[in-house]
PDB file of N, CA and C in Angstrom:
ATOM      1  N   MET A   1      11.656 -16.801 -17.107  1.00  0.00           N
ATOM      2  CA  MET A   1      12.168 -16.475 -16.151  1.00  0.00           C
ATOM      3  C   MET A   1      11.891 -17.939 -14.877  1.00  0.00           C
ATOM      4  N   THR A   2      13.507 -18.115 -14.176  1.00  0.00           N
ATOM      5  CA  THR A   2      13.762 -19.702 -14.071  1.00  0.00           C
ATOM      6  C   THR A   2      13.121 -19.963 -13.246  1.00  0.00           C
ATOM      7  N   THR A   3      12.693 -21.156 -13.066  1.00  0.00           N
ATOM      8  CA  THR A   3      12.452 -21.795 -11.426  1.00  0.00           C
ATOM      9  C   THR A   3      12.533 -20.838 -10.068  1.00  0.00           C
ATOM     10  N   MET A   4      13.785 -20.745 -10.357  1.00  0.00           N
ATOM     11  CA  MET A   4      14.663 -19.853  -8.560  1.00  0.00           C
ATOM     12  C   MET A   4      13.717 -18.486  -8.889  1.00  0.00           C
ATOM     13  N   ASN A   5      13.630 -18.028  -9.700  1.00  0.00           N
ATOM     14  CA  ASN A   5      13.413 -16.529  -9.660  1.00  0.00           C
ATOM     15  C   ASN A   5      11.840 -16.707  -9.470  1.00  0.00           C
ATOM     16  N   ARG A   6      11.036 -17.951  -9.873  1.00  0.00           N
ATOM     17  CA  ARG A   6      10.140 -17.752  -9.100  1.00  0.00           C
ATOM     18  C   ARG A   6       9.624 -18.025  -8.122  1.00  0.00           C
ATOM     19  N   PHE A   7      10.298 -19.211  -7.333  1.00  0.00           N
ATOM     20  CA  PHE A   7      10.419 -19.272  -5.951  1.00  0.00           C
ATOM     21  C   PHE A   7      10.297 -18.095  -5.294  1.00  0.00           C
ATOM     22  N   PHE A   8      11.341 -17.320  -5.139  1.00  0.00           N
ATOM     23  CA  PHE A   8      11.651 -16.410  -4.793  1.00  0.00           C
ATOM     24  C   PHE A   8      10.981 -15.354  -4.920  1.00  0.00           C
ATOM     25  N   SER A   9      10.119 -15.220  -6.316  1.00  0.00           N
ATOM     26  CA  SER A   9       8.744 -14.318  -6.379  1.00  0.00           C
ATOM     27  C   SER A   9       7.729 -14.675  -5.701  1.00  0.00           C
ATOM     28  N   THR A  10       7.479 -15.781  -5.445  1.00  0.00           N
ATOM     29  CA  THR A  10       6.504 -16.327  -4.776  1.00  0.00           C
ATOM     30  C   THR A  10       7.138 -16.054  -3.341  1.00  0.00           C
ATOM     31  N   SER A  11       7.929 -16.975  -3.056  1.00  0.00           N
ATOM     32  CA  SER A  11       8.346 -16.087  -1.396  1.00  0.00           C
ATOM     33  C   SER A  11       7.997 -15.134  -1.005  1.00  0.00           C
ATOM     34  N   ILE A  12       8.267 -13.968  -1.793  1.00  0.00           N
ATOM     35  CA  ILE A  12       8.545 -12.616  -1.096  1.00  0.00           C
ATOM     36  C   ILE A  12       6.510 -12.322  -1.319  1.00  0.00           C
ATOM     37  N   CYS A  13       6.131 -12.338  -2.189  1.00  0.00           N
ATOM     38  CA  CYS A  13       4.362 -12.296  -1.948  1.00  0.00           C
ATOM     39  C   CYS A  13       4.178 -13.241  -0.661  1.00  0.00           C
ATOM     40  N   MET A  14       4.232 -13.809  -0.810  1.00  0.00           N
ATOM     41  CA  MET A  14       3.928 -14.685   0.554  1.00  0.00           C
ATOM     42  C   MET A  14       4.134 -14.702   1.418  1.00  0.00           C
ATOM     43  N   ARG A  15       5.300 -13.660   1.882  1.00  0.00           N
ATOM     44  CA  ARG A  15       5.680 -13.036   3.304  1.00  0.00           C
ATOM     45  C   ARG A  15       5.220 -11.827   3.295  1.00  0.00           C
ATOM     46  N   LEU A  16       4.586 -11.015   2.489  1.00  0.00           N
ATOM     47  CA  LEU A  16       3.737 -10.069   2.427  1.00  0.00           C
ATOM     48  C   LEU A  16       2.640  -9.976   3.093  1.00  0.00           C
ATOM     49  N   ILE A  17       1.703 -10.750   2.069  1.00  0.00           N
ATOM     50  CA  ILE A  17       0.260 -11.647   2.482  1.00  0.00           C
ATOM     51  C   ILE A  17       0.849 -11.667   3.925  1.00  0.00           C
ATOM     52  N   LEU A  18       1.536 -12.520   4.333  1.00  0.00           N
ATOM     53  CA  LEU A  18       1.820 -12.626   6.396  1.00  0.00           C
ATOM     54  C   LEU A  18       1.865 -12.157   6.662  1.00  0.00           C
ATOM     55  N   PHE A  19       2.862 -11.095   6.419  1.00  0.00           N
ATOM     56  CA  PHE A  19       2.853  -9.395   7.308  1.00  0.00           C
ATOM     57  C   PHE A  19       1.310  -8.887   7.678  1.00  0.00           C
ATOM     58  N   LEU A  20       0.265  -9.053   5.896  1.00  0.00           N
ATOM     59  CA  LEU A  20      -0.217  -8.222   6.105  1.00  0.00           C
ATOM     60  C   LEU A  20      -1.694  -8.385   6.578  1.00  0.00           C
ATOM     61  N   ALA A  21      -1.635  -9.847   6.691  1.00  0.00           N
ATOM     62  CA  ALA A  21      -2.748 -10.503   7.887  1.00  0.00           C
ATOM     63  C   ALA A  21      -2.822 -10.139   8.993  1.00  0.00           C
ATOM     64  N   VAL A  22      -1.210 -10.141   9.816  1.00  0.00           N
ATOM     65  CA  VAL A  22      -0.758  -9.920  11.120  1.00  0.00           C
ATOM     66  C   VAL A  22      -0.831  -8.108  11.027  1.00  0.00           C
ATOM     67  N   LEU A  23      -0.807  -7.605  10.386  1.00  0.00           N
ATOM     68  CA  LEU A  23      -0.945  -6.341  10.900  1.00  0.00           C
ATOM     69  C   LEU A  23      -2.432  -6.251  10.209  1.00  0.00           C
ATOM     70  N   ILE A  24      -3.452  -6.340   9.817  1.00  0.00           N
ATOM     71  CA  ILE A  24      -4.624  -6.337  10.038  1.00  0.00           C
ATOM     72  C   ILE A  24      -5.270  -6.629  11.440  1.00  0.00           C
ATOM     73  N   ASN A  25      -4.690  -8.097  11.204  1.00  0.00           N
ATOM     74  CA  ASN A  25      -5.369  -8.988  12.479  1.00  0.00           C
ATOM     75  C   ASN A  25      -5.017  -8.223  13.745  1.00  0.00           C
ATOM     76  N   SER A  26      -4.081  -7.020  13.757  1.00  0.00           N
ATOM     77  CA  SER A  26      -3.538  -6.620  15.174  1.00  0.00           C
ATOM     78  C   SER A  26      -4.144  -5.216  14.832  1.00  0.00           C
ATOM     79  N   LEU A  27      -4.652  -4.660  13.738  1.00  0.00           N
ATOM     80  CA  LEU A  27      -5.032  -3.590  13.735  1.00  0.00           C
ATOM     81  C   LEU A  27      -6.594  -3.938  13.998  1.00  0.00           C
ATOM     82  N   GLN A  28      -7.119  -4.971  14.257  1.00  0.00           N
ATOM     83  CA  GLN A  28      -8.714  -5.178  14.048  1.00  0.00           C
ATOM     84  C   GLN A  28      -9.146  -4.956  15.977  1.00  0.00           C
ATOM     85  N   GLY A  29      -7.361  -6.112  16.903  1.00  0.00           N
ATOM     86  CA  GLY A  29      -7.709  -5.319  18.383  1.00  0.00           C
ATOM     87  C   GLY A  29      -8.035  -3.939  18.891  1.00  0.00           C
ATOM     88  N   ILE A  30      -7.747  -3.289  17.965  1.00  0.00           N
ATOM     89  CA  ILE A  30      -7.709  -2.079  17.988  1.00  0.00           C
ATOM     90  C   ILE A  30      -8.697  -1.182  17.664  1.00  0.00           C
ATOM     91  N   SER A  31      -9.468  -1.356  17.046  1.00  0.00           N
ATOM     92  CA  SER A  31     -10.268  -0.557  16.061  1.00  0.00           C
ATOM     93  C   SER A  31     -11.773   0.330  16.511  1.00  0.00           C
ATOM     94  N   GLN A  32     -12.051  -0.431  17.863  1.00  0.00           N
ATOM     95  CA  GLN A  32     -12.668   0.168  18.774  1.00  0.00           C
ATOM     96  C   GLN A  32     -12.284   1.230  19.963  1.00  0.00           C
ATOM     97  N   THR A  33     -10.716   1.483  19.221  1.00  0.00           N
ATOM     98  CA  THR A  33     -10.570   2.592  20.137  1.00  0.00           C
ATOM     99  C   THR A  33     -10.824   4.124  19.959  1.00  0.00           C
ATOM    100  N   ASN A  34     -10.768   5.657  20.367  1.00  0.00           N
ATOM    101  CA  ASN A  34     -10.505   6.906  20.126  1.00  0.00           C
ATOM    102  C   ASN A  34     -10.042   6.750  19.205  1.00  0.00           C
ATOM    103  N   GLU A  35      -8.964   6.558  19.079  1.00  0.00           N
ATOM    104  CA  GLU A  35      -7.499   7.037  18.039  1.00  0.00           C
ATOM    105  C   GLU A  35      -7.986   7.457  16.953  1.00  0.00           C
ATOM    106  N   ARG A  36      -7.210   8.560  16.339  1.00  0.00           N
ATOM    107  CA  ARG A  36      -7.169   9.279  15.011  1.00  0.00           C
ATOM    108  C   ARG A  36      -6.266   8.638  14.451  1.00  0.00           C
ATOM    109  N   ARG A  37      -6.835   7.948  13.338  1.00  0.00           N
ATOM    110  CA  ARG A  37      -5.849   7.047  12.385  1.00  0.00           C
ATOM    111  C   ARG A  37      -5.984   7.805  10.827  1.00  0.00           C
ATOM    112  N   LEU A  38      -5.017   7.758  10.092  1.00  0.00           N
ATOM    113  CA  LEU A  38      -4.693   8.782   8.781  1.00  0.00           C
ATOM    114  C   LEU A  38      -3.874   7.252   8.259  1.00  0.00           C
ATOM    115  N   ALA A  39      -4.218   7.175   6.860  1.00  0.00           N
ATOM    116  CA  ALA A  39      -3.304   6.197   5.969  1.00  0.00           C
ATOM    117  C   ALA A  39      -3.351   6.559   5.013  1.00  0.00           C
ATOM    118  N   LEU A  40      -2.310   6.794   4.165  1.00  0.00           N
ATOM    119  CA  LEU A  40      -1.816   7.085   2.533  1.00  0.00           C
ATOM    120  C   LEU A  40      -1.599   5.679   2.023  1.00  0.00           C
ATOM    121  N   VAL A  41      -2.146   5.274   0.752  1.00  0.00           N
ATOM    122  CA  VAL A  41      -2.543   3.885   0.166  1.00  0.00           C
ATOM    123  C   VAL A  41      -2.108   4.427  -1.420  1.00  0.00           C
ATOM    124  N   ILE A  42      -0.835   3.586  -1.945  1.00  0.00           N
ATOM    125  CA  ILE A  42      -0.481   4.439  -3.347  1.00  0.00           C
ATOM    126  C   ILE A  42      -0.813   3.091  -4.034  1.00  0.00           C
ATOM    127  N   GLY A  43      -1.219   2.993  -4.917  1.00  0.00           N
ATOM    128  CA  GLY A  43      -0.899   1.771  -6.157  1.00  0.00           C
ATOM    129  C   GLY A  43      -0.901   2.051  -7.629  1.00  0.00           C
ATOM    130  N   ASN A  44       0.372   1.365  -7.747  1.00  0.00           N
ATOM    131  CA  ASN A  44       0.935   2.066  -9.096  1.00  0.00           C
ATOM    132  C   ASN A  44       1.450   0.556  -9.884  1.00  0.00           C
ATOM    133  N   ALA A  45       0.768   0.592 -10.720  1.00  0.00           N
ATOM    134  CA  ALA A  45       0.473  -0.743 -11.893  1.00  0.00           C
ATOM    135  C   ALA A  45       0.668  -0.218 -13.261  1.00  0.00           C
ATOM    136  N   ALA A  46       0.650   1.233 -13.680  1.00  0.00           N
ATOM    137  CA  ALA A  46       1.215   0.979 -14.946  1.00  0.00           C
ATOM    138  C   ALA A  46       2.230   2.608 -15.067  1.00  0.00           C
ATOM    139  N   TYR A  47       3.554   1.281 -15.939  1.00  0.00           N
ATOM    140  CA  TYR A  47       4.243   1.828 -15.894  1.00  0.00           C
ATOM    141  C   TYR A  47       5.599   2.703 -17.399  1.00  0.00           C
ATOM    142  N   GLN A  48       5.536   3.953 -17.297  1.00  0.00           N
ATOM    143  CA  GLN A  48       6.035   4.222 -18.861  1.00  0.00           C
ATOM    144  C   GLN A  48       6.778   3.118 -19.459  1.00  0.00           C
ATOM    145  N   TYR A  49       7.232   3.091 -18.675  1.00  0.00           N
ATOM    146  CA  TYR A  49       8.585   2.219 -19.689  1.00  0.00           C
ATOM    147  C   TYR A  49       8.167   0.489 -19.537  1.00  0.00           C
ATOM    148  N   GLY A  50       7.482  -0.152 -18.097  1.00  0.00           N
ATOM    149  CA  GLY A  50       7.305  -1.161 -17.500  1.00  0.00           C
ATOM    150  C   GLY A  50       6.044  -1.749 -18.023  1.00  0.00           C
ATOM    151  N   GLY A  51       5.314  -1.282 -18.750  1.00  0.00           N
ATOM    152  CA  GLY A  51       4.016  -2.254 -19.120  1.00  0.00           C
ATOM    153  C   GLY A  51       3.127  -1.626 -17.507  1.00  0.00           C
ATOM    154  N   GLN A  52       1.944  -2.460 -17.893  1.00  0.00           N
ATOM    155  CA  GLN A  52       1.076  -2.549 -16.803  1.00  0.00           C
ATOM    156  C   GLN A  52       0.884  -4.117 -16.098  1.00  0.00           C
ATOM    157  N   LEU A  53       1.248  -3.372 -14.753  1.00  0.00           N
ATOM    158  CA  LEU A  53       1.396  -4.591 -13.852  1.00  0.00           C
ATOM    159  C   LEU A  53      -0.192  -5.095 -13.268  1.00  0.00           C
ATOM    160  N   LYS A  54      -0.185  -6.227 -12.839  1.00  0.00           N
ATOM    161  CA  LYS A  54      -1.516  -6.784 -12.634  1.00  0.00           C
ATOM    162  C   LYS A  54      -1.962  -6.709 -10.809  1.00  0.00           C
ATOM    163  N   ASN A  55      -1.207  -6.517  -9.874  1.00  0.00           N
ATOM    164  CA  ASN A  55      -1.673  -6.149  -8.824  1.00  0.00           C
ATOM    165  C   ASN A  55      -1.958  -4.709  -7.991  1.00  0.00           C
ATOM    166  N   PRO A  56      -0.565  -4.257  -8.231  1.00  0.00           N
ATOM    167  CA  PRO A  56      -0.985  -2.814  -7.585  1.00  0.00           C
ATOM    168  C   PRO A  56      -2.273  -2.340  -6.720  1.00  0.00           C
ATOM    169  N   VAL A  57      -2.925  -2.119  -8.400  1.00  0.00           N
ATOM    170  CA  VAL A  57      -4.100  -1.489  -7.983  1.00  0.00           C
ATOM    171  C   VAL A  57      -5.466  -1.941  -7.112  1.00  0.00           C
ATOM    172  N   SER A  58      -5.291  -2.769  -7.663  1.00  0.00           N
ATOM    173  CA  SER A  58      -6.589  -3.782  -6.427  1.00  0.00           C
ATOM    174  C   SER A  58      -5.678  -4.052  -5.416  1.00  0.00           C
ATOM    175  N   ASP A  59      -4.480  -4.573  -5.075  1.00  0.00           N
ATOM    176  CA  ASP A  59      -3.876  -4.749  -3.758  1.00  0.00           C
ATOM    177  C   ASP A  59      -4.572  -3.031  -2.916  1.00  0.00           C
ATOM    178  N   ALA A  60      -3.937  -1.787  -3.577  1.00  0.00           N
ATOM    179  CA  ALA A  60      -3.955  -0.320  -3.056  1.00  0.00           C
ATOM    180  C   ALA A  60      -5.720  -0.250  -2.828  1.00  0.00           C
ATOM    181  N   ASN A  61      -6.587  -0.871  -3.321  1.00  0.00           N
ATOM    182  CA  ASN A  61      -7.988  -0.972  -3.319  1.00  0.00           C
ATOM    183  C   ASN A  61      -8.400  -1.712  -1.700  1.00  0.00           C
ATOM    184  N   LEU A  62      -7.874  -2.843  -2.156  1.00  0.00           N
ATOM    185  CA  LEU A  62      -8.673  -3.701  -0.828  1.00  0.00           C
ATOM    186  C   LEU A  62      -7.695  -3.241   0.327  1.00  0.00           C
ATOM    187  N   MET A  63      -6.464  -2.791   0.564  1.00  0.00           N
ATOM    188  CA  MET A  63      -5.882  -2.384   1.740  1.00  0.00           C
ATOM    189  C   MET A  63      -7.224  -1.154   2.131  1.00  0.00           C
ATOM    190  N   GLY A  64      -7.297  -0.487   1.227  1.00  0.00           N
ATOM    191  CA  GLY A  64      -7.637   1.282   1.753  1.00  0.00           C
ATOM    192  C   GLY A  64      -9.175   1.020   1.975  1.00  0.00           C
ATOM    193  N   SER A  65      -9.799  -0.326   1.626  1.00  0.00           N
ATOM    194  CA  SER A  65     -11.294   0.141   2.009  1.00  0.00           C
ATOM    195  C   SER A  65     -11.340  -1.109   3.242  1.00  0.00           C
ATOM    196  N   THR A  66     -10.382  -2.277   3.795  1.00  0.00           N
ATOM    197  CA  THR A  66      -9.881  -2.745   5.169  1.00  0.00           C
ATOM    198  C   THR A  66      -9.526  -1.295   5.884  1.00  0.00           C
ATOM    199  N   LEU A  67      -8.844  -0.425   5.531  1.00  0.00           N
ATOM    200  CA  LEU A  67      -8.358   0.580   6.323  1.00  0.00           C
ATOM    201  C   LEU A  67      -9.506   0.879   7.251  1.00  0.00           C
ATOM    202  N   GLN A  68     -10.016   1.530   6.010  1.00  0.00           N
ATOM    203  CA  GLN A  68     -11.339   2.199   6.370  1.00  0.00           C
ATOM    204  C   GLN A  68     -12.425   1.704   6.873  1.00  0.00           C
ATOM    205  N   GLU A  69     -12.484   0.378   6.790  1.00  0.00           N
ATOM    206  CA  GLU A  69     -13.431  -0.118   7.877  1.00  0.00           C
ATOM    207  C   GLU A  69     -13.064  -0.291   9.253  1.00  0.00           C
ATOM    208  N   LEU A  70     -11.093   0.177   9.323  1.00  0.00           N
ATOM    209  CA  LEU A  70     -10.846  -0.568  10.669  1.00  0.00           C
ATOM    210  C   LEU A  70     -10.683   1.002  11.822  1.00  0.00           C
ATOM    211  N   GLY A  71     -11.313   2.400  10.663  1.00  0.00           N
ATOM    212  CA  GLY A  71     -11.366   3.558  11.255  1.00  0.00           C
ATOM    213  C   GLY A  71     -10.535   4.164  10.928  1.00  0.00           C
ATOM    214  N   PHE A  72      -9.565   4.108   9.616  1.00  0.00           N
ATOM    215  CA  PHE A  72      -8.721   5.404   9.207  1.00  0.00           C
ATOM    216  C   PHE A  72      -9.388   5.896   8.233  1.00  0.00           C
ATOM    217  N   ASP A  73      -9.442   6.928   8.384  1.00  0.00           N
ATOM    218  CA  ASP A  73      -9.226   8.003   6.942  1.00  0.00           C
ATOM    219  C   ASP A  73      -8.261   7.761   6.056  1.00  0.00           C
ATOM    220  N   VAL A  74      -8.678   7.474   5.289  1.00  0.00           N
ATOM    221  CA  VAL A  74      -7.410   7.406   4.076  1.00  0.00           C
ATOM    222  C   VAL A  74      -7.616   8.062   2.567  1.00  0.00           C
ATOM    223  N   ILE A  75      -6.004   8.417   2.224  1.00  0.00           N
ATOM    224  CA  ILE A  75      -6.106   8.900   1.187  1.00  0.00           C
ATOM    225  C   ILE A  75      -5.374   8.168   0.301  1.00  0.00           C
ATOM    226  N   LYS A  76      -6.223   7.836  -0.319  1.00  0.00           N
ATOM    227  CA  LYS A  76      -6.022   7.001  -2.252  1.00  0.00           C
ATOM    228  C   LYS A  76      -5.452   7.347  -2.932  1.00  0.00           C
ATOM    229  N   LYS A  77      -4.132   6.772  -3.454  1.00  0.00           N
ATOM    230  CA  LYS A  77      -4.054   7.672  -5.448  1.00  0.00           C
ATOM    231  C   LYS A  77      -3.410   6.206  -5.661  1.00  0.00           C
ATOM    232  N   THR A  78      -4.063   5.802  -6.996  1.00  0.00           N
ATOM    233  CA  THR A  78      -3.594   4.870  -7.700  1.00  0.00           C
ATOM    234  C   THR A  78      -2.926   5.396  -9.501  1.00  0.00           C
ATOM    235  N   ASP A  79      -2.275   4.312  -9.777  1.00  0.00           N
ATOM    236  CA  ASP A  79      -1.641   5.022 -10.995  1.00  0.00           C
ATOM    237  C   ASP A  79      -1.411   6.458 -11.061  1.00  0.00           C
ATOM    238  N   ALA A  80      -0.288   6.762 -10.099  1.00  0.00           N
ATOM    239  CA  ALA A  80      -0.381   8.548 -10.032  1.00  0.00           C
ATOM    240  C   ALA A  80       1.088   8.816 -10.776  1.00  0.00           C
ATOM    241  N   ARG A  81       0.896   9.456 -11.197  1.00  0.00           N
ATOM    242  CA  ARG A  81       2.332  10.158 -11.431  1.00  0.00           C
ATOM    243  C   ARG A  81       3.608  10.690  -9.997  1.00  0.00           C
ATOM    244  N   LEU A  82       4.277  11.005 -10.747  1.00  0.00           N
ATOM    245  CA  LEU A  82       5.531  11.045  -9.232  1.00  0.00           C
ATOM    246  C   LEU A  82       4.902  12.661  -9.056  1.00  0.00           C
ATOM    247  N   SER A  83       4.709  13.725  -9.957  1.00  0.00           N
ATOM    248  CA  SER A  83       4.131  15.115  -9.317  1.00  0.00           C
ATOM    249  C   SER A  83       2.841  14.826  -8.354  1.00  0.00           C
ATOM    250  N   ASP A  84       1.727  13.735  -8.904  1.00  0.00           N
ATOM    251  CA  ASP A  84       0.963  14.003  -7.808  1.00  0.00           C
ATOM    252  C   ASP A  84       1.224  12.668  -6.496  1.00  0.00           C
ATOM    253  N   MET A  85       2.388  12.055  -6.590  1.00  0.00           N
ATOM    254  CA  MET A  85       2.540  11.540  -5.390  1.00  0.00           C
ATOM    255  C   MET A  85       3.206  12.542  -4.132  1.00  0.00           C
ATOM    256  N   GLN A  86       3.949  13.189  -5.290  1.00  0.00           N
ATOM    257  CA  GLN A  86       4.416  14.437  -4.279  1.00  0.00           C
ATOM    258  C   GLN A  86       3.293  14.953  -3.635  1.00  0.00           C
ATOM    259  N   ASN A  87       2.221  15.560  -4.275  1.00  0.00           N
ATOM    260  CA  ASN A  87       1.426  16.124  -3.771  1.00  0.00           C
ATOM    261  C   ASN A  87       0.693  15.698  -2.474  1.00  0.00           C
ATOM    262  N   THR A  88       0.684  14.511  -2.733  1.00  0.00           N
ATOM    263  CA  THR A  88      -0.197  13.439  -1.569  1.00  0.00           C
ATOM    264  C   THR A  88       0.882  13.413  -0.554  1.00  0.00           C
ATOM    265  N   PHE A  89       1.827  13.280  -0.799  1.00  0.00           N
ATOM    266  CA  PHE A  89       2.383  13.034   0.610  1.00  0.00           C
ATOM    267  C   PHE A  89       2.848  14.067   1.059  1.00  0.00           C
ATOM    268  N   LYS A  90       2.438  15.059   0.537  1.00  0.00           N
ATOM    269  CA  LYS A  90       2.497  16.603   1.578  1.00  0.00           C
ATOM    270  C   LYS A  90       1.242  16.911   1.994  1.00  0.00           C
ATOM    271  N   GLU A  91      -0.085  16.198   1.276  1.00  0.00           N
ATOM    272  CA  GLU A  91      -0.851  16.647   2.119  1.00  0.00           C
ATOM    273  C   GLU A  91      -0.687  15.818   3.567  1.00  0.00           C
ATOM    274  N   PHE A  92      -0.018  14.179   3.176  1.00  0.00           N
ATOM    275  CA  PHE A  92      -0.406  13.432   4.098  1.00  0.00           C
ATOM    276  C   PHE A  92       0.420  13.978   4.994  1.00  0.00           C
ATOM    277  N   VAL A  93       1.312  14.374   4.956  1.00  0.00           N
ATOM    278  CA  VAL A  93       2.546  14.790   6.062  1.00  0.00           C
ATOM    279  C   VAL A  93       1.620  16.161   6.511  1.00  0.00           C
ATOM    280  N   SER A  94       1.050  16.898   5.982  1.00  0.00           N
ATOM    281  CA  SER A  94       0.015  18.331   6.461  1.00  0.00           C
ATOM    282  C   SER A  94      -0.781  18.185   7.484  1.00  0.00           C
ATOM    283  N   ARG A  95      -1.308  16.692   7.250  1.00  0.00           N
ATOM    284  CA  ARG A  95      -2.530  16.038   8.334  1.00  0.00           C
ATOM    285  C   ARG A  95      -2.176  15.393   9.223  1.00  0.00           C
ATOM    286  N   LEU A  96      -0.796  15.253   9.732  1.00  0.00           N
ATOM    287  CA  LEU A  96      -0.202  14.545  10.583  1.00  0.00           C
ATOM    288  C   LEU A  96      -0.682  14.885  11.994  1.00  0.00           C
ATOM    289  N   ASP A  97      -0.481  15.872  12.033  1.00  0.00           N
ATOM    290  CA  ASP A  97      -0.929  16.396  13.550  1.00  0.00           C
ATOM    291  C   ASP A  97      -1.906  16.189  14.127  1.00  0.00           C
ATOM    292  N   ASN A  98      -2.690  15.709  13.687  1.00  0.00           N
ATOM    293  CA  ASN A  98      -3.837  16.091  13.615  1.00  0.00           C
ATOM    294  C   ASN A  98      -5.024  14.423  14.608  1.00  0.00           C
ATOM    295  N   TYR A  99      -3.756  13.564  13.991  1.00  0.00           N
ATOM    296  CA  TYR A  99      -3.817  11.842  14.261  1.00  0.00           C
ATOM    297  C   TYR A  99      -3.302  11.422  15.442  1.00  0.00           C
ATOM    298  N   ASP A 100      -3.493  10.281  15.826  1.00  0.00           N
ATOM    299  CA  ASP A 100      -2.580   9.721  16.873  1.00  0.00           C
ATOM    300  C   ASP A 100      -1.626   8.665  15.818  1.00  0.00           C
ATOM    301  N   VAL A 101      -2.535   7.867  15.350  1.00  0.00           N
ATOM    302  CA  VAL A 101      -1.977   6.851  14.138  1.00  0.00           C
ATOM    303  C   VAL A 101      -1.394   7.154  13.001  1.00  0.00           C
ATOM    304  N   ALA A 102      -0.365   6.944  12.394  1.00  0.00           N
ATOM    305  CA  ALA A 102      -0.746   7.109  10.710  1.00  0.00           C
ATOM    306  C   ALA A 102       0.050   5.666  10.072  1.00  0.00           C
ATOM    307  N   LEU A 103      -0.490   5.586   8.673  1.00  0.00           N
ATOM    308  CA  LEU A 103       0.000   4.479   8.177  1.00  0.00           C
ATOM    309  C   LEU A 103       0.699   4.444   6.254  1.00  0.00           C
ATOM    310  N   PHE A 104       1.556   4.265   6.340  1.00  0.00           N
ATOM    311  CA  PHE A 104       1.691   4.249   4.618  1.00  0.00           C
ATOM    312  C   PHE A 104       2.004   2.937   4.059  1.00  0.00           C
ATOM    313  N   PHE A 105       1.080   2.707   3.080  1.00  0.00           N
ATOM    314  CA  PHE A 105       1.015   1.417   2.445  1.00  0.00           C
ATOM    315  C   PHE A 105       1.160   1.838   0.656  1.00  0.00           C
ATOM    316  N   TYR A 106       2.234   1.147  -0.124  1.00  0.00           N
ATOM    317  CA  TYR A 106       2.333   1.410  -1.070  1.00  0.00           C
ATOM    318  C   TYR A 106       2.630   0.044  -2.213  1.00  0.00           C
ATOM    319  N   ALA A 107       1.586  -0.379  -2.864  1.00  0.00           N
ATOM    320  CA  ALA A 107       1.470  -1.357  -2.940  1.00  0.00           C
ATOM    321  C   ALA A 107       2.094  -1.426  -4.794  1.00  0.00           C
ATOM    322  N   VAL A 108       3.550  -1.702  -5.030  1.00  0.00           N
ATOM    323  CA  VAL A 108       3.967  -2.030  -6.153  1.00  0.00           C
ATOM    324  C   VAL A 108       4.981  -3.264  -6.434  1.00  0.00           C
ATOM    325  N   HIS A 109       5.474  -3.164  -7.400  1.00  0.00           N
ATOM    326  CA  HIS A 109       6.088  -5.310  -7.740  1.00  0.00           C
ATOM    327  C   HIS A 109       7.134  -4.001  -8.225  1.00  0.00           C
ATOM    328  N   GLY A 110       8.642  -4.898  -8.085  1.00  0.00           N
ATOM    329  CA  GLY A 110       9.671  -4.567  -8.830  1.00  0.00           C
ATOM    330  C   GLY A 110       9.997  -5.200 -10.069  1.00  0.00           C
ATOM    331  N   LEU A 111      10.201  -4.092 -10.672  1.00  0.00           N
ATOM    332  CA  LEU A 111      10.769  -4.801 -12.067  1.00  0.00           C
ATOM    333  C   LEU A 111      12.093  -4.818 -11.811  1.00  0.00           C
ATOM    334  N   GLN A 112      12.567  -5.615 -13.042  1.00  0.00           N
ATOM    335  CA  GLN A 112      13.911  -5.884 -13.915  1.00  0.00           C
ATOM    336  C   GLN A 112      14.466  -5.416 -15.250  1.00  0.00           C
ATOM    337  N   VAL A 113      15.282  -4.805 -15.394  1.00  0.00           N
ATOM    338  CA  VAL A 113      15.638  -4.099 -16.921  1.00  0.00           C
ATOM    339  C   VAL A 113      17.016  -4.889 -17.262  1.00  0.00           C
ATOM    340  N   ASP A 114      17.126  -5.522 -18.408  1.00  0.00           N
ATOM    341  CA  ASP A 114      18.055  -6.101 -18.673  1.00  0.00           C
ATOM    342  C   ASP A 114      18.952  -7.213 -17.946  1.00  0.00           C
ATOM    343  N   GLY A 115      18.133  -7.977 -17.474  1.00  0.00           N
ATOM    344  CA  GLY A 115      18.129  -9.365 -16.708  1.00  0.00           C
ATOM    345  C   GLY A 115      18.867  -9.173 -15.031  1.00  0.00           C
TER     346      GLY A 115
END
């Protein structure tokens, strides 16, 4: 990985962390309301052709527990196959009418193939 690629990779990660910090901070202000909240959290780190990634599952676990603390009902899947993700997403969509707020979080990292 070149120095430039590391810079952009680090920059993107820092922006994501900043965005999540702002999101969580803003959600804390509304955590005491009577809103019904549902979150779908997916973290995939094991890829058939891409190897094992370090962070997506731990990111999803942290986000899931944080959202639960903020009053969300959380549907969480990690290292899910496509069919599992599709079924989980259908479940999430089928439950939306019973909630005031919905959030979807997908923890994944980009892969590059052949340069």
